[in-house]
C-alpha atoms as a PDB file:
ATOM      1  CA  UNK A   1       0.016  -0.201  -0.463  1.00  0.00           C
ATOM      2  CA  UNK A   2       2.946   2.439   1.191  1.00  0.00           C
ATOM      3  CA  UNK A   3       4.418   1.686  -2.459  1.00  0.00           C
ATOM      4  CA  UNK A   4       1.414   3.146  -3.904  1.00  0.00           C
ATOM      5  CA  UNK A   5       1.427   6.676  -2.460  1.00  0.00           C
ATOM      6  CA  UNK A   6       2.232   8.946  -5.652  1.00  0.00           C
ATOM      7  CA  UNK A   7       5.052  10.819  -6.152  1.00  0.00           C
ATOM      8  CA  UNK A   8       4.059  14.556  -6.254  1.00  0.00           C
ATOM      9  CA  UNK A   9       6.707  17.291  -6.408  1.00  0.00           C
ATOM     10  CA  UNK A  10       6.872  18.193  -2.869  1.00  0.00           C
ATOM     11  CA  UNK A  11       6.959  14.546  -2.125  1.00  0.00           C
ATOM     12  CA  UNK A  12       9.037  13.605   0.717  1.00  0.00           C
ATOM     13  CA  UNK A  13      10.721  10.355   0.230  1.00  0.00           C
ATOM     14  CA  UNK A  14      10.149   7.761   3.149  1.00  0.00           C
ATOM     15  CA  UNK A  15      11.442   3.655   4.011  1.00  0.00           C
ATOM     16  CA  UNK A  16       9.743   1.611   6.348  1.00  0.00           C
ATOM     17  CA  UNK A  17      11.899  -0.418   9.282  1.00  0.00           C
ATOM     18  CA  UNK A  18      10.445  -3.221  10.588  1.00  0.00           C
ATOM     19  CA  UNK A  19      11.340  -4.371  14.256  1.00  0.00           C
ATOM     20  CA  UNK A  20       9.979  -7.208  16.770  1.00  0.00           C
ATOM     21  CA  UNK A  21       8.495  -6.165  19.985  1.00  0.00           C
ATOM     22  CA  UNK A  22       7.094  -2.571  20.813  1.00  0.00           C
ATOM     23  CA  UNK A  23       7.828   1.198  19.798  1.00  0.00           C
ATOM     24  CA  UNK A  24       9.178   1.899  23.120  1.00  0.00           C
ATOM     25  CA  UNK A  25      11.995  -0.585  22.906  1.00  0.00           C
ATOM     26  CA  UNK A  26      13.551  -0.231  19.396  1.00  0.00           C
ATOM     27  CA  UNK A  27      13.046   3.225  19.007  1.00  0.00           C
ATOM     28  CA  UNK A  28      15.912   4.343  20.075  1.00  0.00           C
ATOM     29  CA  UNK A  29      17.998   2.576  18.172  1.00  0.00           C
ATOM     30  CA  UNK A  30      16.288   3.427  15.046  1.00  0.00           C
ATOM     31  CA  UNK A  31      17.005   6.702  16.188  1.00  0.00           C
ATOM     32  CA  UNK A  32      20.133   6.758  16.458  1.00  0.00           C
ATOM     33  CA  UNK A  33      21.193   4.270  13.443  1.00  0.00           C
ATOM     34  CA  UNK A  34      19.390   6.979  11.063  1.00  0.00           C
ATOM     35  CA  UNK A  35      20.089  10.174  12.660  1.00  0.00           C
ATOM     36  CA  UNK A  36      16.418  11.239  13.105  1.00  0.00           C
ATOM     37  CA  UNK A  37      16.331  14.547  13.530  1.00  0.00           C
ATOM     38  CA  UNK A  38      12.412  14.736  14.475  1.00  0.00           C
ATOM     39  CA  UNK A  39       9.785  11.954  15.562  1.00  0.00           C
ATOM     40  CA  UNK A  40       6.331  12.204  14.333  1.00  0.00           C
ATOM     41  CA  UNK A  41       3.392  10.459  16.210  1.00  0.00           C
ATOM     42  CA  UNK A  42      -0.209   9.639  16.581  1.00  0.00           C
ATOM     43  CA  UNK A  43      -2.038  11.385  19.229  1.00  0.00           C
ATOM     44  CA  UNK A  44      -3.930   8.828  21.264  1.00  0.00           C
ATOM     45  CA  UNK A  45      -5.224   9.751  24.939  1.00  0.00           C
ATOM     46  CA  UNK A  46      -3.726   7.580  27.571  1.00  0.00           C
ATOM     47  CA  UNK A  47      -5.867   4.556  28.762  1.00  0.00           C
ATOM     48  CA  UNK A  48      -6.988   4.896  32.722  1.00  0.00           C
ATOM     49  CA  UNK A  49      -3.783   5.061  35.172  1.00  0.00           C
ATOM     50  CA  UNK A  50      -5.046   1.280  36.992  1.00  0.00           C
ATOM     51  CA  UNK A  51      -4.420  -0.034  33.570  1.00  0.00           C
ATOM     52  CA  UNK A  52      -1.662  -1.473  32.049  1.00  0.00           C
ATOM     53  CA  UNK A  53       0.682   1.870  30.814  1.00  0.00           C
ATOM     54  CA  UNK A  54       1.075   1.568  26.544  1.00  0.00           C
ATOM     55  CA  UNK A  55       4.395   1.750  25.803  1.00  0.00           C
ATOM     56  CA  UNK A  56       3.957   2.652  22.148  1.00  0.00           C
ATOM     57  CA  UNK A  57       2.597   6.244  23.496  1.00  0.00           C
ATOM     58  CA  UNK A  58       4.414   9.291  22.289  1.00  0.00           C
ATOM     59  CA  UNK A  59       4.331  10.045  26.240  1.00  0.00           C
ATOM     60  CA  UNK A  60       6.548   7.194  26.802  1.00  0.00           C
ATOM     61  CA  UNK A  61       8.235   6.912  23.102  1.00  0.00           C
ATOM     62  CA  UNK A  62       9.963  10.496  24.416  1.00  0.00           C
ATOM     63  CA  UNK A  63      11.609   9.619  27.193  1.00  0.00           C
ATOM     64  CA  UNK A  64      13.376   7.231  24.858  1.00  0.00           C
ATOM     65  CA  UNK A  65      14.299   9.443  22.138  1.00  0.00           C
ATOM     66  CA  UNK A  66      17.030  12.644  22.748  1.00  0.00           C
ATOM     67  CA  UNK A  67      15.622  14.201  19.244  1.00  0.00           C
ATOM     68  CA  UNK A  68      12.086  16.440  19.216  1.00  0.00           C
ATOM     69  CA  UNK A  69       8.787  14.598  19.008  1.00  0.00           C
ATOM     70  CA  UNK A  70       5.912  15.640  17.525  1.00  0.00           C
ATOM     71  CA  UNK A  71       2.619  14.623  17.797  1.00  0.00           C
ATOM     72  CA  UNK A  72       0.015  15.251  15.556  1.00  0.00           C
ATOM     73  CA  UNK A  73      -4.023  14.520  15.745  1.00  0.00           C
ATOM     74  CA  UNK A  74      -5.206  11.746  13.294  1.00  0.00           C
ATOM     75  CA  UNK A  75      -8.044  13.778  11.770  1.00  0.00           C
ATOM     76  CA  UNK A  76      -5.966  16.925  11.257  1.00  0.00           C
ATOM     77  CA  UNK A  77      -5.951  18.223   8.216  1.00  0.00           C
ATOM     78  CA  UNK A  78      -2.273  20.140   6.977  1.00  0.00           C
ATOM     79  CA  UNK A  79      -2.221  23.912   6.801  1.00  0.00           C
ATOM     80  CA  UNK A  80       0.746  25.824   7.041  1.00  0.00           C
ATOM     81  CA  UNK A  81       2.135  27.151  10.042  1.00  0.00           C
ATOM     82  CA  UNK A  82       2.152  30.586  10.876  1.00  0.00           C
ATOM     83  CA  UNK A  83       2.030  30.724  14.890  1.00  0.00           C
ATOM     84  CA  UNK A  84       3.725  28.747  17.455  1.00  0.00           C
ATOM     85  CA  UNK A  85       3.253  28.918  20.939  1.00  0.00           C
ATOM     86  CA  UNK A  86       6.133  27.577  23.085  1.00  0.00           C
ATOM     87  CA  UNK A  87       5.170  27.161  27.197  1.00  0.00           C
ATOM     88  CA  UNK A  88       8.028  27.736  29.193  1.00  0.00           C
ATOM     89  CA  UNK A  89       9.958  28.690  32.511  1.00  0.00           C
ATOM     90  CA  UNK A  90      11.538  32.048  31.695  1.00  0.00           C
ATOM     91  CA  UNK A  91      14.075  31.861  34.654  1.00  0.00           C
ATOM     92  CA  UNK A  92      14.584  27.635  33.916  1.00  0.00           C
ATOM     93  CA  UNK A  93      15.544  27.595  30.152  1.00  0.00           C
ATOM     94  CA  UNK A  94      18.535  25.884  28.041  1.00  0.00           C
ATOM     95  CA  UNK A  95      19.758  28.362  25.510  1.00  0.00           C
ATOM     96  CA  UNK A  96      20.420  25.421  23.265  1.00  0.00           C
ATOM     97  CA  UNK A  97      16.893  24.298  23.598  1.00  0.00           C
ATOM     98  CA  UNK A  98      15.670  27.588  23.304  1.00  0.00           C
ATOM     99  CA  UNK A  99      17.858  28.247  20.151  1.00  0.00           C
ATOM    100  CA  UNK A 100      16.669  25.039  18.396  1.00  0.00           C
ATOM    101  CA  UNK A 101      12.802  26.363  18.925  1.00  0.00           C
ATOM    102  CA  UNK A 102      13.522  29.542  17.617  1.00  0.00           C
ATOM    103  CA  UNK A 103      15.505  27.846  14.793  1.00  0.00           C
ATOM    104  CA  UNK A 104      12.241  25.695  13.795  1.00  0.00           C
ATOM    105  CA  UNK A 105      10.160  28.456  13.987  1.00  0.00           C
ATOM    106  CA  UNK A 106      12.466  30.699  11.666  1.00  0.00           C
ATOM    107  CA  UNK A 107      12.771  27.442   9.121  1.00  0.00           C
ATOM    108  CA  UNK A 108       8.938  27.816   9.476  1.00  0.00           C
ATOM    109  CA  UNK A 109       8.649  31.428   8.361  1.00  0.00           C
ATOM    110  CA  UNK A 110       6.721  31.583  11.514  1.00  0.00           C
ATOM    111  CA  UNK A 111       5.689  33.880  15.018  1.00  0.00           C
ATOM    112  CA  UNK A 112       6.542  32.437  18.158  1.00  0.00           C
ATOM    113  CA  UNK A 113       4.984  33.736  21.255  1.00  0.00           C
ATOM    114  CA  UNK A 114       6.956  32.440  24.401  1.00  0.00           C
ATOM    115  CA  UNK A 115       4.446  32.344  27.714  1.00  0.00           C
ATOM    116  CA  UNK A 116       4.616  31.301  30.877  1.00  0.00           C
ATOM    117  CA  UNK A 117       1.716  30.634  33.128  1.00  0.00           C
ATOM    118  CA  UNK A 118       2.051  31.208  36.871  1.00  0.00           C
ATOM    119  CA  UNK A 119      -0.601  31.416  39.563  1.00  0.00           C
ATOM    120  CA  UNK A 120      -1.415  34.030  42.167  1.00  0.00           C
ATOM    121  CA  UNK A 121       0.830  32.768  44.546  1.00  0.00           C
ATOM    122  CA  UNK A 122       3.734  33.412  42.845  1.00  0.00           C
ATOM    123  CA  UNK A 123       3.215  37.229  41.959  1.00  0.00           C
ATOM    124  CA  UNK A 124       5.972  38.146  44.481  1.00  0.00           C
ATOM    125  CA  UNK A 125       8.413  36.690  41.495  1.00  0.00           C
ATOM    126  CA  UNK A 126       6.751  38.473  38.459  1.00  0.00           C
ATOM    127  CA  UNK A 127      10.075  41.254  38.230  1.00  0.00           C
ATOM    128  CA  UNK A 128      12.360  37.901  38.111  1.00  0.00           C
ATOM    129  CA  UNK A 129      10.715  36.527  35.716  1.00  0.00           C
ATOM    130  CA  UNK A 130      10.411  40.084  33.646  1.00  0.00           C
ATOM    131  CA  UNK A 131      14.247  40.388  34.395  1.00  0.00           C
ATOM    132  CA  UNK A 132      14.679  37.022  32.515  1.00  0.00           C
ATOM    133  CA  UNK A 133      12.411  37.870  29.492  1.00  0.00           C
ATOM    134  CA  UNK A 134      14.539  40.623  28.765  1.00  0.00           C
ATOM    135  CA  UNK A 135      17.574  38.113  28.491  1.00  0.00           C
ATOM    136  CA  UNK A 136      15.458  36.089  26.413  1.00  0.00           C
ATOM    137  CA  UNK A 137      15.014  39.316  24.256  1.00  0.00           C
ATOM    138  CA  UNK A 138      18.795  39.255  23.620  1.00  0.00           C
ATOM    139  CA  UNK A 139      19.080  35.700  22.820  1.00  0.00           C
ATOM    140  CA  UNK A 140      16.456  35.785  20.164  1.00  0.00           C
ATOM    141  CA  UNK A 141      16.998  39.316  19.227  1.00  0.00           C
ATOM    142  CA  UNK A 142      16.247  39.569  14.956  1.00  0.00           C
ATOM    143  CA  UNK A 143      13.356  36.971  15.744  1.00  0.00           C
ATOM    144  CA  UNK A 144       9.933  36.958  15.135  1.00  0.00           C
ATOM    145  CA  UNK A 145       9.139  36.510  18.726  1.00  0.00           C
ATOM    146  CA  UNK A 146       6.467  37.669  20.983  1.00  0.00           C
ATOM    147  CA  UNK A 147       6.598  37.068  25.362  1.00  0.00           C
ATOM    148  CA  UNK A 148       3.704  36.619  27.720  1.00  0.00           C
ATOM    149  CA  UNK A 149       3.747  36.097  31.168  1.00  0.00           C
ATOM    150  CA  UNK A 150       0.058  34.802  31.937  1.00  0.00           C
ATOM    151  CA  UNK A 151      -1.793  34.474  35.430  1.00  0.00           C
ATOM    152  CA  UNK A 152      -4.080  31.518  35.946  1.00  0.00           C
ATOM    153  CA  UNK A 153      -3.993  28.533  38.869  1.00  0.00           C
ATOM    154  CA  UNK A 154      -4.290  25.373  36.763  1.00  0.00           C
ATOM    155  CA  UNK A 155      -1.110  25.524  34.224  1.00  0.00           C
ATOM    156  CA  UNK A 156      -1.852  23.272  31.728  1.00  0.00           C
ATOM    157  CA  UNK A 157      -5.751  24.703  31.294  1.00  0.00           C
ATOM    158  CA  UNK A 158      -3.801  28.422  31.237  1.00  0.00           C
ATOM    159  CA  UNK A 159      -1.692  27.306  28.244  1.00  0.00           C
ATOM    160  CA  UNK A 160      -4.495  25.341  26.205  1.00  0.00           C
ATOM    161  CA  UNK A 161      -6.454  28.576  26.863  1.00  0.00           C
ATOM    162  CA  UNK A 162      -3.866  30.760  25.726  1.00  0.00           C
ATOM    163  CA  UNK A 163      -3.393  29.040  22.531  1.00  0.00           C
ATOM    164  CA  UNK A 164      -6.621  28.982  21.451  1.00  0.00           C
ATOM    165  CA  UNK A 165      -7.034  32.619  21.995  1.00  0.00           C
ATOM    166  CA  UNK A 166      -3.982  33.269  20.386  1.00  0.00           C
ATOM    167  CA  UNK A 167      -4.914  30.548  17.367  1.00  0.00           C
ATOM    168  CA  UNK A 168      -1.806  28.905  17.937  1.00  0.00           C
ATOM    169  CA  UNK A 169      -1.281  26.410  15.054  1.00  0.00           C
ATOM    170  CA  UNK A 170       0.975  24.551  17.169  1.00  0.00           C
ATOM    171  CA  UNK A 171       2.361  24.258  20.741  1.00  0.00           C
ATOM    172  CA  UNK A 172       5.511  23.532  21.768  1.00  0.00           C
ATOM    173  CA  UNK A 173       7.236  22.280  25.457  1.00  0.00           C
ATOM    174  CA  UNK A 174      10.194  21.585  26.434  1.00  0.00           C
ATOM    175  CA  UNK A 175       9.882  19.099  29.312  1.00  0.00           C
ATOM    176  CA  UNK A 176      12.505  16.590  31.874  1.00  0.00           C
ATOM    177  CA  UNK A 177      10.448  13.969  31.511  1.00  0.00           C
ATOM    178  CA  UNK A 178       6.627  12.556  30.228  1.00  0.00           C
ATOM    179  CA  UNK A 179       5.015  13.624  33.120  1.00  0.00           C
ATOM    180  CA  UNK A 180       3.403  16.877  31.379  1.00  0.00           C
ATOM    181  CA  UNK A 181       2.266  14.843  28.076  1.00  0.00           C
ATOM    182  CA  UNK A 182       0.688  11.830  30.474  1.00  0.00           C
ATOM    183  CA  UNK A 183      -1.361  14.326  31.929  1.00  0.00           C
ATOM    184  CA  UNK A 184      -2.079  16.393  28.561  1.00  0.00           C
ATOM    185  CA  UNK A 185      -2.984  13.007  26.993  1.00  0.00           C
ATOM    186  CA  UNK A 186      -5.282  11.167  30.035  1.00  0.00           C
ATOM    187  CA  UNK A 187      -8.427  10.658  29.385  1.00  0.00           C
ATOM    188  CA  UNK A 188      -9.774  12.703  31.798  1.00  0.00           C
ATOM    189  CA  UNK A 189      -8.118  15.889  30.687  1.00  0.00           C
ATOM    190  CA  UNK A 190      -9.083  14.828  27.046  1.00  0.00           C
ATOM    191  CA  UNK A 191     -12.568  14.712  28.099  1.00  0.00           C
ATOM    192  CA  UNK A 192     -12.113  18.487  28.388  1.00  0.00           C
ATOM    193  CA  UNK A 193     -11.804  19.235  24.378  1.00  0.00           C
ATOM    194  CA  UNK A 194      -8.555  20.467  25.329  1.00  0.00           C
ATOM    195  CA  UNK A 195      -7.229  22.706  22.396  1.00  0.00           C
ATOM    196  CA  UNK A 196      -3.827  20.741  22.184  1.00  0.00           C
ATOM    197  CA  UNK A 197      -5.945  17.730  20.859  1.00  0.00           C
ATOM    198  CA  UNK A 198      -6.617  19.892  17.756  1.00  0.00           C
ATOM    199  CA  UNK A 199      -3.379  21.177  17.177  1.00  0.00           C
ATOM    200  CA  UNK A 200       0.349  19.466  16.883  1.00  0.00           C
ATOM    201  CA  UNK A 201       2.141  19.033  20.068  1.00  0.00           C
ATOM    202  CA  UNK A 202       6.110  19.702  19.384  1.00  0.00           C
ATOM    203  CA  UNK A 203       8.300  18.143  22.514  1.00  0.00           C
ATOM    204  CA  UNK A 204      12.170  18.343  23.568  1.00  0.00           C
ATOM    205  CA  UNK A 205      13.970  17.161  25.938  1.00  0.00           C
ATOM    206  CA  UNK A 206      15.370  20.064  28.653  1.00  0.00           C
ATOM    207  CA  UNK A 207      17.074  19.456  31.792  1.00  0.00           C
ATOM    208  CA  UNK A 208      15.212  21.118  34.346  1.00  0.00           C
ATOM    209  CA  UNK A 209      17.278  23.272  37.116  1.00  0.00           C
ATOM    210  CA  UNK A 210      14.100  24.035  39.727  1.00  0.00           C
ATOM    211  CA  UNK A 211      12.136  21.139  41.268  1.00  0.00           C
ATOM    212  CA  UNK A 212       8.492  20.776  39.904  1.00  0.00           C
ATOM    213  CA  UNK A 213       5.257  22.433  40.859  1.00  0.00           C
ATOM    214  CA  UNK A 214       2.986  19.468  40.523  1.00  0.00           C
ATOM    215  CA  UNK A 215       4.758  16.096  40.324  1.00  0.00           C
ATOM    216  CA  UNK A 216       6.945  15.449  43.203  1.00  0.00           C
ATOM    217  CA  UNK A 217       5.786  11.376  43.357  1.00  0.00           C
ATOM    218  CA  UNK A 218       6.965  11.716  39.613  1.00  0.00           C
ATOM    219  CA  UNK A 219      10.169  13.318  40.513  1.00  0.00           C
ATOM    220  CA  UNK A 220      10.861  10.776  43.429  1.00  0.00           C
ATOM    221  CA  UNK A 221      10.205   8.215  41.519  1.00  0.00           C
ATOM    222  CA  UNK A 222      12.871   9.177  38.930  1.00  0.00           C
ATOM    223  CA  UNK A 223      15.138   9.618  41.795  1.00  0.00           C
ATOM    224  CA  UNK A 224      15.037   6.242  42.674  1.00  0.00           C
ATOM    225  CA  UNK A 225      15.758   4.890  39.639  1.00  0.00           C
ATOM    226  CA  UNK A 226      18.523   7.467  38.759  1.00  0.00           C
ATOM    227  CA  UNK A 227      20.179   8.489  42.157  1.00  0.00           C
ATOM    228  CA  UNK A 228      23.034   9.493  40.110  1.00  0.00           C
ATOM    229  CA  UNK A 229      20.669  12.880  39.048  1.00  0.00           C
ATOM    230  CA  UNK A 230      19.729  15.596  41.706  1.00  0.00           C
ATOM    231  CA  UNK A 231      16.343  16.318  42.814  1.00  0.00           C
ATOM    232  CA  UNK A 232      16.675  20.250  41.381  1.00  0.00           C
ATOM    233  CA  UNK A 233      17.552  18.216  38.069  1.00  0.00           C
ATOM    234  CA  UNK A 234      15.017  15.956  37.820  1.00  0.00           C
ATOM    235  CA  UNK A 235      11.954  18.905  38.158  1.00  0.00           C
ATOM    236  CA  UNK A 236      10.064  19.598  34.443  1.00  0.00           C
ATOM    237  CA  UNK A 237       8.544  22.782  35.629  1.00  0.00           C
ATOM    238  CA  UNK A 238       8.172  24.432  32.375  1.00  0.00           C
END
């Protein structure tokens, strides 16, 4: 069937790789051997936590690869990307990852909006965040970039609402592990018809310096398996 795909002018050549086992177990080797720059997967909701984890879900696969991973809704029709929304923490960023995301936006010829969601309890830290924004502005000088600080008690709801209001064509995250993606694609969250389920989600792997605010149990579990990594580096606060 794949061999019958018509070769249009802008058609991208591809090849099929068949490996035994599940995707979770073989994706890392395939990415390394083929020097893959981006993994593309279909967006599916995760089963209930009480059930067996699906090793082939994008949330599990992203922890096996070092390159960016894009999750695309299965029924999404292609359209040119005009606006990327990058949900980040201006005070806990990796310049290399930020440069990668900015490079992706430049290559796509799109507007890049960086947004940080904070809670009412975090208002006292606004000055440090605004100072961090000025540093990011210097790094991305000359790029088509906007910056936004947004007060919202629920971080993911805030990100989704902002992306929808701004008519984003893609949501970008830079995280330590799959915790946020697991929450984003949990059945409970998908039932809210979150905006991210209707646009592609692009994730980058980034080491974090600060402890996370919503998944301490996940961090401790990660430390138990990787004792050489300090707790503060295992956080995935965006």
